Amino acid sequence: MNKDVMIEDLYFINAKALAIKLHQQQVSEDLAFKHLLVFSMLFASAMVFPVAVSCTQSDVFAFWYQIANFFAFALLQFWGMRLLYRTNKQGDGQAFFLRWAALSLPVGLQVWLISLLLGLVYGILIGFVFMDTITDLPENTWLISGMAFGLVMQRNFKRCANG
């Protein structure tokens, strides 16, 4: 196996196999870091702090909407990380950060693929059924994806901590 190739040993989709290897303590910190690095490059770089310069009344609403979304995302992150930490503690309580770093990539890609598929089905359905009545798709689909990420991650943490 060539160690110069960064992605050859990554688990892109198969979180179950990775969770089993984590439980068996067969995943190195280097491999976990590579998973977290690729996950961060794909998903976490989109996090922005809401800043808006408003000149009209409608922009003021948009600013407060961005602030509300920011806090909703922060609460979702808090809930999800706390849930994962508790799940790990209720099992063997070992290697939380190693498991989190390693599982972030395959779980993130699984949730992204599911969200993409559901979004396409939803978009097609809305397009045919409500062709002229609904002009905007829901803007908070990220909230559903975030919750799905937390739940899928928790399932895999149970595999790691309990076998």
N, C-alpha and C. Protein backbone atom coordinates (compact mmCIF):
# COMPACT_ATOMS: atom_id res chain seq x y z
N MET A 1 0.84 -1.18 0.00
CA MET A 1 0.00 0.00 0.00
C MET A 1 0.89 1.24 0.00
N ASN A 2 0.65 2.15 -0.91
CA ASN A 2 1.43 3.37 -1.05
C ASN A 2 0.92 4.44 -0.09
N LYS A 3 1.75 4.85 0.86
CA LYS A 3 1.33 5.84 1.86
C LYS A 3 1.30 7.26 1.30
N ASP A 4 1.85 7.46 0.06
CA ASP A 4 1.86 8.80 -0.53
C ASP A 4 0.48 9.21 -1.04
N VAL A 5 -0.38 8.26 -1.30
CA VAL A 5 -1.73 8.55 -1.79
C VAL A 5 -2.62 8.81 -0.59
N MET A 6 -3.14 10.01 -0.50
CA MET A 6 -3.88 10.41 0.70
C MET A 6 -5.21 9.70 0.86
N ILE A 7 -5.90 9.44 -0.22
CA ILE A 7 -7.29 8.98 -0.09
C ILE A 7 -7.47 7.49 -0.27
N GLU A 8 -6.42 6.73 -0.53
CA GLU A 8 -6.63 5.32 -0.86
C GLU A 8 -7.16 4.49 0.30
N ASP A 9 -6.89 4.88 1.55
CA ASP A 9 -7.36 4.09 2.69
C ASP A 9 -8.57 4.70 3.41
N LEU A 10 -9.21 5.69 2.78
CA LEU A 10 -10.37 6.33 3.40
C LEU A 10 -11.64 5.51 3.14
N TYR A 11 -12.53 5.55 4.11
CA TYR A 11 -13.85 4.94 3.98
C TYR A 11 -14.81 6.05 3.60
N PHE A 12 -15.15 6.13 2.33
CA PHE A 12 -15.98 7.24 1.88
C PHE A 12 -17.46 7.04 2.19
N ILE A 13 -17.97 5.84 2.10
CA ILE A 13 -19.39 5.60 2.32
C ILE A 13 -19.62 4.55 3.41
N ASN A 14 -18.76 3.58 3.52
CA ASN A 14 -18.98 2.42 4.38
C ASN A 14 -18.67 2.73 5.85
N ALA A 15 -19.55 3.46 6.51
CA ALA A 15 -19.35 3.81 7.91
C ALA A 15 -19.44 2.60 8.82
N LYS A 16 -20.22 1.60 8.45
CA LYS A 16 -20.37 0.40 9.29
C LYS A 16 -19.03 -0.33 9.41
N ALA A 17 -18.34 -0.54 8.29
CA ALA A 17 -17.04 -1.23 8.33
C ALA A 17 -16.03 -0.42 9.13
N LEU A 18 -16.07 0.90 8.97
CA LEU A 18 -15.16 1.76 9.73
C LEU A 18 -15.48 1.71 11.22
N ALA A 19 -16.76 1.70 11.57
CA ALA A 19 -17.15 1.62 12.98
C ALA A 19 -16.67 0.32 13.61
N ILE A 20 -16.73 -0.76 12.86
CA ILE A 20 -16.25 -2.05 13.37
C ILE A 20 -14.73 -2.00 13.59
N LYS A 21 -14.00 -1.41 12.64
CA LYS A 21 -12.55 -1.27 12.80
C LYS A 21 -12.22 -0.36 13.99
N LEU A 22 -13.01 0.67 14.19
CA LEU A 22 -12.80 1.55 15.34
C LEU A 22 -13.01 0.79 16.64
N HIS A 23 -14.05 -0.03 16.69
CA HIS A 23 -14.31 -0.83 17.89
C HIS A 23 -13.16 -1.80 18.17
N GLN A 24 -12.58 -2.33 17.11
CA GLN A 24 -11.47 -3.26 17.25
C GLN A 24 -10.13 -2.55 17.43
N GLN A 25 -10.18 -1.22 17.51
CA GLN A 25 -9.00 -0.36 17.69
C GLN A 25 -7.98 -0.57 16.58
N GLN A 26 -8.45 -0.66 15.35
CA GLN A 26 -7.60 -0.86 14.19
C GLN A 26 -7.50 0.39 13.32
N VAL A 27 -7.90 1.55 13.85
CA VAL A 27 -7.84 2.80 13.10
C VAL A 27 -6.84 3.72 13.79
N SER A 28 -5.89 4.20 13.02
CA SER A 28 -4.86 5.09 13.58
C SER A 28 -5.38 6.52 13.66
N GLU A 29 -4.70 7.31 14.44
CA GLU A 29 -5.04 8.72 14.54
C GLU A 29 -4.80 9.42 13.20
N ASP A 30 -3.79 9.00 12.46
CA ASP A 30 -3.51 9.58 11.14
C ASP A 30 -4.68 9.35 10.18
N LEU A 31 -5.22 8.14 10.19
CA LEU A 31 -6.35 7.84 9.32
C LEU A 31 -7.59 8.64 9.74
N ALA A 32 -7.82 8.74 11.04
CA ALA A 32 -8.95 9.53 11.53
C ALA A 32 -8.80 10.99 11.12
N PHE A 33 -7.58 11.51 11.21
CA PHE A 33 -7.33 12.90 10.81
C PHE A 33 -7.62 13.09 9.32
N LYS A 34 -7.23 12.13 8.48
CA LYS A 34 -7.49 12.26 7.05
C LYS A 34 -9.00 12.30 6.78
N HIS A 35 -9.77 11.47 7.49
CA HIS A 35 -11.22 11.50 7.34
C HIS A 35 -11.78 12.86 7.74
N LEU A 36 -11.34 13.38 8.88
CA LEU A 36 -11.83 14.68 9.35
C LEU A 36 -11.41 15.80 8.40
N LEU A 37 -10.22 15.73 7.88
CA LEU A 37 -9.74 16.75 6.94
C LEU A 37 -10.58 16.79 5.67
N VAL A 38 -10.83 15.62 5.08
CA VAL A 38 -11.63 15.56 3.85
C VAL A 38 -13.07 15.99 4.15
N PHE A 39 -13.61 15.53 5.27
CA PHE A 39 -14.97 15.96 5.66
C PHE A 39 -15.03 17.48 5.79
N SER A 40 -14.07 18.07 6.46
CA SER A 40 -14.06 19.53 6.64
C SER A 40 -13.97 20.25 5.32
N MET A 41 -13.16 19.74 4.42
CA MET A 41 -13.03 20.39 3.11
C MET A 41 -14.34 20.31 2.32
N LEU A 42 -15.06 19.19 2.46
CA LEU A 42 -16.30 19.02 1.70
C LEU A 42 -17.50 19.73 2.32
N PHE A 43 -17.59 19.72 3.66
CA PHE A 43 -18.83 20.17 4.29
C PHE A 43 -18.67 21.35 5.23
N ALA A 44 -17.69 21.33 6.09
CA ALA A 44 -17.61 22.34 7.15
C ALA A 44 -17.17 23.70 6.66
N SER A 45 -16.58 23.80 5.49
CA SER A 45 -16.11 25.09 5.01
C SER A 45 -17.26 26.03 4.65
N ALA A 46 -18.48 25.54 4.61
CA ALA A 46 -19.63 26.37 4.27
C ALA A 46 -20.15 27.18 5.47
N MET A 47 -19.63 26.93 6.66
CA MET A 47 -20.10 27.65 7.85
C MET A 47 -19.65 29.11 7.79
N VAL A 48 -20.61 30.01 7.87
CA VAL A 48 -20.30 31.44 7.84
C VAL A 48 -21.04 32.12 8.97
N PHE A 49 -20.46 33.17 9.49
CA PHE A 49 -21.14 33.97 10.50
C PHE A 49 -22.01 34.98 9.78
N PRO A 50 -23.28 35.12 10.18
CA PRO A 50 -24.20 35.99 9.44
C PRO A 50 -23.89 37.48 9.66
N VAL A 51 -23.54 38.13 8.59
CA VAL A 51 -23.32 39.57 8.62
C VAL A 51 -24.03 40.14 7.41
N ALA A 52 -24.86 41.13 7.63
CA ALA A 52 -25.58 41.75 6.53
C ALA A 52 -25.57 43.26 6.72
N VAL A 53 -25.45 43.97 5.61
CA VAL A 53 -25.58 45.42 5.64
C VAL A 53 -26.93 45.73 5.05
N SER A 54 -27.81 46.34 5.86
CA SER A 54 -29.17 46.54 5.37
C SER A 54 -29.42 48.01 5.07
N CYS A 55 -30.11 48.21 3.98
CA CYS A 55 -30.46 49.56 3.56
C CYS A 55 -31.97 49.71 3.40
N THR A 56 -32.68 48.60 3.38
CA THR A 56 -34.13 48.66 3.21
C THR A 56 -34.78 47.84 4.31
N GLN A 57 -36.07 47.98 4.42
CA GLN A 57 -36.83 47.26 5.44
C GLN A 57 -36.74 45.75 5.23
N SER A 58 -36.77 45.27 3.99
CA SER A 58 -36.71 43.83 3.74
C SER A 58 -35.36 43.25 4.13
N ASP A 59 -34.29 44.04 4.01
CA ASP A 59 -32.96 43.56 4.41
C ASP A 59 -32.87 43.35 5.91
N VAL A 60 -33.62 44.14 6.70
CA VAL A 60 -33.60 43.97 8.15
C VAL A 60 -34.19 42.61 8.51
N PHE A 61 -35.27 42.21 7.85
CA PHE A 61 -35.83 40.89 8.07
C PHE A 61 -34.83 39.80 7.71
N ALA A 62 -34.14 39.96 6.58
CA ALA A 62 -33.16 38.97 6.14
C ALA A 62 -32.03 38.84 7.16
N PHE A 63 -31.61 39.95 7.75
CA PHE A 63 -30.55 39.91 8.76
C PHE A 63 -31.00 39.09 9.97
N TRP A 64 -32.20 39.35 10.49
CA TRP A 64 -32.68 38.62 11.66
C TRP A 64 -32.95 37.15 11.33
N TYR A 65 -33.33 36.89 10.10
CA TYR A 65 -33.51 35.52 9.66
C TYR A 65 -32.16 34.78 9.67
N GLN A 66 -31.11 35.44 9.20
CA GLN A 66 -29.77 34.85 9.23
C GLN A 66 -29.30 34.60 10.66
N ILE A 67 -29.58 35.55 11.54
CA ILE A 67 -29.19 35.38 12.96
C ILE A 67 -29.93 34.17 13.55
N ALA A 68 -31.23 34.06 13.28
CA ALA A 68 -32.01 32.93 13.81
C ALA A 68 -31.46 31.61 13.27
N ASN A 69 -31.13 31.56 11.98
CA ASN A 69 -30.55 30.35 11.40
C ASN A 69 -29.21 30.01 12.04
N PHE A 70 -28.41 31.02 12.31
CA PHE A 70 -27.11 30.79 12.94
C PHE A 70 -27.29 30.14 14.31
N PHE A 71 -28.21 30.67 15.11
CA PHE A 71 -28.43 30.09 16.44
C PHE A 71 -29.08 28.71 16.37
N ALA A 72 -29.96 28.50 15.39
CA ALA A 72 -30.56 27.17 15.22
C ALA A 72 -29.47 26.16 14.87
N PHE A 73 -28.55 26.53 14.00
CA PHE A 73 -27.46 25.65 13.63
C PHE A 73 -26.56 25.37 14.84
N ALA A 74 -26.27 26.40 15.63
CA ALA A 74 -25.43 26.22 16.82
C ALA A 74 -26.10 25.28 17.82
N LEU A 75 -27.41 25.42 18.02
CA LEU A 75 -28.12 24.52 18.94
C LEU A 75 -28.13 23.09 18.41
N LEU A 76 -28.29 22.95 17.11
CA LEU A 76 -28.25 21.62 16.50
C LEU A 76 -26.88 20.99 16.70
N GLN A 77 -25.83 21.76 16.51
CA GLN A 77 -24.47 21.26 16.73
C GLN A 77 -24.29 20.83 18.19
N PHE A 78 -24.75 21.66 19.11
CA PHE A 78 -24.63 21.36 20.54
C PHE A 78 -25.36 20.06 20.87
N TRP A 79 -26.60 19.94 20.42
CA TRP A 79 -27.41 18.75 20.68
C TRP A 79 -26.73 17.51 20.11
N GLY A 80 -26.28 17.60 18.87
CA GLY A 80 -25.67 16.45 18.21
C GLY A 80 -24.38 16.00 18.87
N MET A 81 -23.50 16.94 19.18
CA MET A 81 -22.23 16.57 19.80
C MET A 81 -22.46 16.00 21.20
N ARG A 82 -23.38 16.56 21.92
CA ARG A 82 -23.69 16.06 23.27
C ARG A 82 -24.25 14.63 23.20
N LEU A 83 -25.12 14.39 22.23
CA LEU A 83 -25.69 13.06 22.03
C LEU A 83 -24.59 12.05 21.69
N LEU A 84 -23.69 12.42 20.81
CA LEU A 84 -22.60 11.52 20.45
C LEU A 84 -21.70 11.22 21.63
N TYR A 85 -21.38 12.24 22.40
CA TYR A 85 -20.50 12.05 23.56
C TYR A 85 -21.15 11.12 24.59
N ARG A 86 -22.42 11.33 24.83
CA ARG A 86 -23.14 10.45 25.78
C ARG A 86 -23.21 9.01 25.26
N THR A 87 -23.47 8.85 23.98
CA THR A 87 -23.53 7.51 23.39
C THR A 87 -22.19 6.80 23.57
N ASN A 88 -21.11 7.51 23.32
CA ASN A 88 -19.78 6.92 23.48
C ASN A 88 -19.50 6.57 24.94
N LYS A 89 -19.89 7.45 25.86
CA LYS A 89 -19.68 7.21 27.29
C LYS A 89 -20.49 6.01 27.79
N GLN A 90 -21.70 5.83 27.26
CA GLN A 90 -22.54 4.72 27.68
C GLN A 90 -22.00 3.37 27.18
N GLY A 91 -21.16 3.41 26.16
CA GLY A 91 -20.51 2.19 25.68
C GLY A 91 -19.20 2.00 26.42
N ASP A 92 -18.12 1.87 25.68
CA ASP A 92 -16.83 1.66 26.33
C ASP A 92 -16.14 2.95 26.74
N GLY A 93 -16.65 4.10 26.29
CA GLY A 93 -16.11 5.39 26.70
C GLY A 93 -14.73 5.71 26.16
N GLN A 94 -14.27 5.01 25.15
CA GLN A 94 -12.92 5.20 24.64
C GLN A 94 -12.91 5.94 23.32
N ALA A 95 -11.83 6.63 23.05
CA ALA A 95 -11.47 7.19 21.74
C ALA A 95 -12.57 8.02 21.08
N PHE A 96 -13.23 8.90 21.83
CA PHE A 96 -14.31 9.69 21.27
C PHE A 96 -13.85 10.51 20.07
N PHE A 97 -12.76 11.25 20.22
CA PHE A 97 -12.32 12.14 19.14
C PHE A 97 -11.82 11.36 17.92
N LEU A 98 -11.17 10.24 18.15
CA LEU A 98 -10.73 9.40 17.06
C LEU A 98 -11.94 8.89 16.28
N ARG A 99 -12.94 8.43 16.99
CA ARG A 99 -14.15 7.91 16.34
C ARG A 99 -14.90 9.01 15.60
N TRP A 100 -15.02 10.16 16.22
CA TRP A 100 -15.74 11.28 15.59
C TRP A 100 -15.02 11.72 14.33
N ALA A 101 -13.71 11.86 14.42
CA ALA A 101 -12.94 12.30 13.25
C ALA A 101 -13.05 11.30 12.11
N ALA A 102 -12.91 10.02 12.42
CA ALA A 102 -12.93 9.00 11.38
C ALA A 102 -14.31 8.84 10.74
N LEU A 103 -15.35 8.85 11.55
CA LEU A 103 -16.70 8.60 11.03
C LEU A 103 -17.31 9.80 10.31
N SER A 104 -16.76 10.99 10.52
CA SER A 104 -17.37 12.19 9.94
C SER A 104 -17.46 12.13 8.42
N LEU A 105 -16.45 11.60 7.75
CA LEU A 105 -16.48 11.54 6.28
C LEU A 105 -17.51 10.55 5.74
N PRO A 106 -17.46 9.27 6.10
CA PRO A 106 -18.45 8.37 5.49
C PRO A 106 -19.89 8.71 5.89
N VAL A 107 -20.10 9.12 7.12
CA VAL A 107 -21.46 9.49 7.54
C VAL A 107 -21.90 10.76 6.81
N GLY A 108 -21.02 11.74 6.71
CA GLY A 108 -21.34 12.97 5.98
C GLY A 108 -21.71 12.71 4.53
N LEU A 109 -20.97 11.84 3.87
CA LEU A 109 -21.29 11.51 2.48
C LEU A 109 -22.58 10.71 2.36
N GLN A 110 -22.84 9.81 3.30
CA GLN A 110 -24.11 9.07 3.28
C GLN A 110 -25.29 10.03 3.38
N VAL A 111 -25.22 10.95 4.33
CA VAL A 111 -26.31 11.91 4.54
C VAL A 111 -26.44 12.83 3.33
N TRP A 112 -25.32 13.24 2.76
CA TRP A 112 -25.36 14.10 1.57
C TRP A 112 -26.05 13.39 0.42
N LEU A 113 -25.70 12.11 0.20
CA LEU A 113 -26.32 11.36 -0.89
C LEU A 113 -27.83 11.17 -0.66
N ILE A 114 -28.20 10.86 0.57
CA ILE A 114 -29.62 10.71 0.89
C ILE A 114 -30.35 12.04 0.70
N SER A 115 -29.75 13.14 1.17
CA SER A 115 -30.36 14.46 1.02
C SER A 115 -30.50 14.84 -0.44
N LEU A 116 -29.48 14.53 -1.23
CA LEU A 116 -29.53 14.82 -2.66
C LEU A 116 -30.66 14.05 -3.33
N LEU A 117 -30.76 12.77 -3.03
CA LEU A 117 -31.82 11.94 -3.61
C LEU A 117 -33.20 12.44 -3.19
N LEU A 118 -33.38 12.67 -1.89
CA LEU A 118 -34.68 13.16 -1.41
C LEU A 118 -34.99 14.55 -1.98
N GLY A 119 -33.98 15.38 -2.10
CA GLY A 119 -34.18 16.72 -2.68
C GLY A 119 -34.62 16.65 -4.13
N LEU A 120 -34.03 15.74 -4.89
CA LEU A 120 -34.42 15.57 -6.29
C LEU A 120 -35.86 15.07 -6.40
N VAL A 121 -36.20 14.06 -5.61
CA VAL A 121 -37.57 13.54 -5.62
C VAL A 121 -38.55 14.63 -5.20
N TYR A 122 -38.22 15.35 -4.13
CA TYR A 122 -39.08 16.42 -3.64
C TYR A 122 -39.24 17.51 -4.70
N GLY A 123 -38.14 17.89 -5.33
CA GLY A 123 -38.19 18.93 -6.35
C GLY A 123 -39.04 18.53 -7.54
N ILE A 124 -38.89 17.30 -7.98
CA ILE A 124 -39.70 16.81 -9.10
C ILE A 124 -41.17 16.75 -8.71
N LEU A 125 -41.46 16.24 -7.52
CA LEU A 125 -42.84 16.13 -7.04
C LEU A 125 -43.48 17.51 -6.94
N ILE A 126 -42.78 18.44 -6.32
CA ILE A 126 -43.32 19.81 -6.19
C ILE A 126 -43.50 20.45 -7.55
N GLY A 127 -42.55 20.19 -8.47
CA GLY A 127 -42.65 20.76 -9.81
C GLY A 127 -43.87 20.29 -10.58
N PHE A 128 -44.23 19.02 -10.41
CA PHE A 128 -45.37 18.50 -11.14
C PHE A 128 -46.70 18.77 -10.45
N VAL A 129 -46.72 18.65 -9.13
CA VAL A 129 -47.98 18.76 -8.41
C VAL A 129 -48.37 20.23 -8.18
N PHE A 130 -47.40 21.04 -7.79
CA PHE A 130 -47.70 22.43 -7.45
C PHE A 130 -46.97 23.37 -8.41
N MET A 131 -47.10 23.13 -9.70
CA MET A 131 -46.31 23.82 -10.70
C MET A 131 -46.38 25.34 -10.58
N ASP A 132 -47.55 25.91 -10.37
CA ASP A 132 -47.67 27.36 -10.37
C ASP A 132 -47.90 27.96 -8.98
N THR A 133 -48.13 27.13 -7.97
CA THR A 133 -48.49 27.69 -6.66
C THR A 133 -47.29 27.86 -5.73
N ILE A 134 -46.28 27.00 -5.81
CA ILE A 134 -45.11 27.13 -4.93
C ILE A 134 -43.91 27.51 -5.77
N THR A 135 -43.32 28.65 -5.46
CA THR A 135 -42.19 29.11 -6.26
C THR A 135 -40.85 28.88 -5.56
N ASP A 136 -40.84 28.71 -4.24
CA ASP A 136 -39.58 28.50 -3.51
C ASP A 136 -39.60 27.16 -2.81
N LEU A 137 -38.47 26.44 -2.88
CA LEU A 137 -38.32 25.23 -2.08
C LEU A 137 -37.98 25.63 -0.66
N PRO A 138 -38.26 24.79 0.32
CA PRO A 138 -37.94 25.14 1.71
C PRO A 138 -36.47 25.46 1.87
N GLU A 139 -36.18 26.52 2.63
CA GLU A 139 -34.81 26.98 2.79
C GLU A 139 -34.08 26.28 3.93
N ASN A 140 -34.78 25.56 4.78
CA ASN A 140 -34.14 24.97 5.95
C ASN A 140 -33.93 23.47 5.83
N THR A 141 -33.68 23.00 4.61
CA THR A 141 -33.40 21.57 4.45
C THR A 141 -32.10 21.19 5.13
N TRP A 142 -31.20 22.16 5.36
CA TRP A 142 -29.94 21.89 6.08
C TRP A 142 -30.23 21.41 7.49
N LEU A 143 -31.31 21.86 8.09
CA LEU A 143 -31.66 21.45 9.44
C LEU A 143 -31.99 19.96 9.47
N ILE A 144 -32.75 19.50 8.49
CA ILE A 144 -33.09 18.08 8.40
C ILE A 144 -31.83 17.26 8.13
N SER A 145 -30.97 17.73 7.24
CA SER A 145 -29.72 17.03 6.95
C SER A 145 -28.84 16.97 8.19
N GLY A 146 -28.79 18.05 8.96
CA GLY A 146 -27.98 18.07 10.18
C GLY A 146 -28.48 17.08 11.21
N MET A 147 -29.79 16.98 11.35
CA MET A 147 -30.34 16.01 12.29
C MET A 147 -30.08 14.58 11.80
N ALA A 148 -30.19 14.36 10.51
CA ALA A 148 -29.91 13.04 9.96
C ALA A 148 -28.45 12.68 10.18
N PHE A 149 -27.55 13.66 10.01
CA PHE A 149 -26.13 13.42 10.26
C PHE A 149 -25.91 12.97 11.70
N GLY A 150 -26.53 13.67 12.66
CA GLY A 150 -26.38 13.31 14.06
C GLY A 150 -26.90 11.93 14.38
N LEU A 151 -28.04 11.56 13.80
CA LEU A 151 -28.63 10.26 14.08
C LEU A 151 -27.84 9.11 13.45
N VAL A 152 -27.37 9.31 12.22
CA VAL A 152 -26.56 8.28 11.58
C VAL A 152 -25.22 8.15 12.30
N MET A 153 -24.66 9.28 12.72
CA MET A 153 -23.39 9.25 13.46
C MET A 153 -23.58 8.52 14.79
N GLN A 154 -24.71 8.76 15.45
CA GLN A 154 -24.96 8.09 16.73
C GLN A 154 -25.05 6.58 16.55
N ARG A 155 -25.73 6.14 15.52
CA ARG A 155 -25.83 4.70 15.24
C ARG A 155 -24.44 4.08 15.08
N ASN A 156 -23.56 4.78 14.39
CA ASN A 156 -22.21 4.26 14.20
C ASN A 156 -21.38 4.37 15.46
N PHE A 157 -21.62 5.37 16.30
CA PHE A 157 -20.93 5.45 17.59
C PHE A 157 -21.33 4.27 18.48
N LYS A 158 -22.59 3.86 18.41
CA LYS A 158 -23.02 2.68 19.17
C LYS A 158 -22.26 1.45 18.72
N ARG A 159 -22.06 1.32 17.39
CA ARG A 159 -21.29 0.19 16.87
C ARG A 159 -19.86 0.22 17.41
N CYS A 160 -19.27 1.42 17.44
CA CYS A 160 -17.89 1.55 17.92
C CYS A 160 -17.78 1.22 19.40
N ALA A 161 -18.68 1.77 20.20
CA ALA A 161 -18.57 1.67 21.65
C ALA A 161 -19.07 0.34 22.19
N ASN A 162 -19.95 -0.32 21.46
CA ASN A 162 -20.54 -1.57 21.97
C ASN A 162 -20.18 -2.79 21.14
N GLY A 163 -19.60 -2.59 20.01
CA GLY A 163 -19.21 -3.73 19.17
C GLY A 163 -20.22 -4.12 18.16
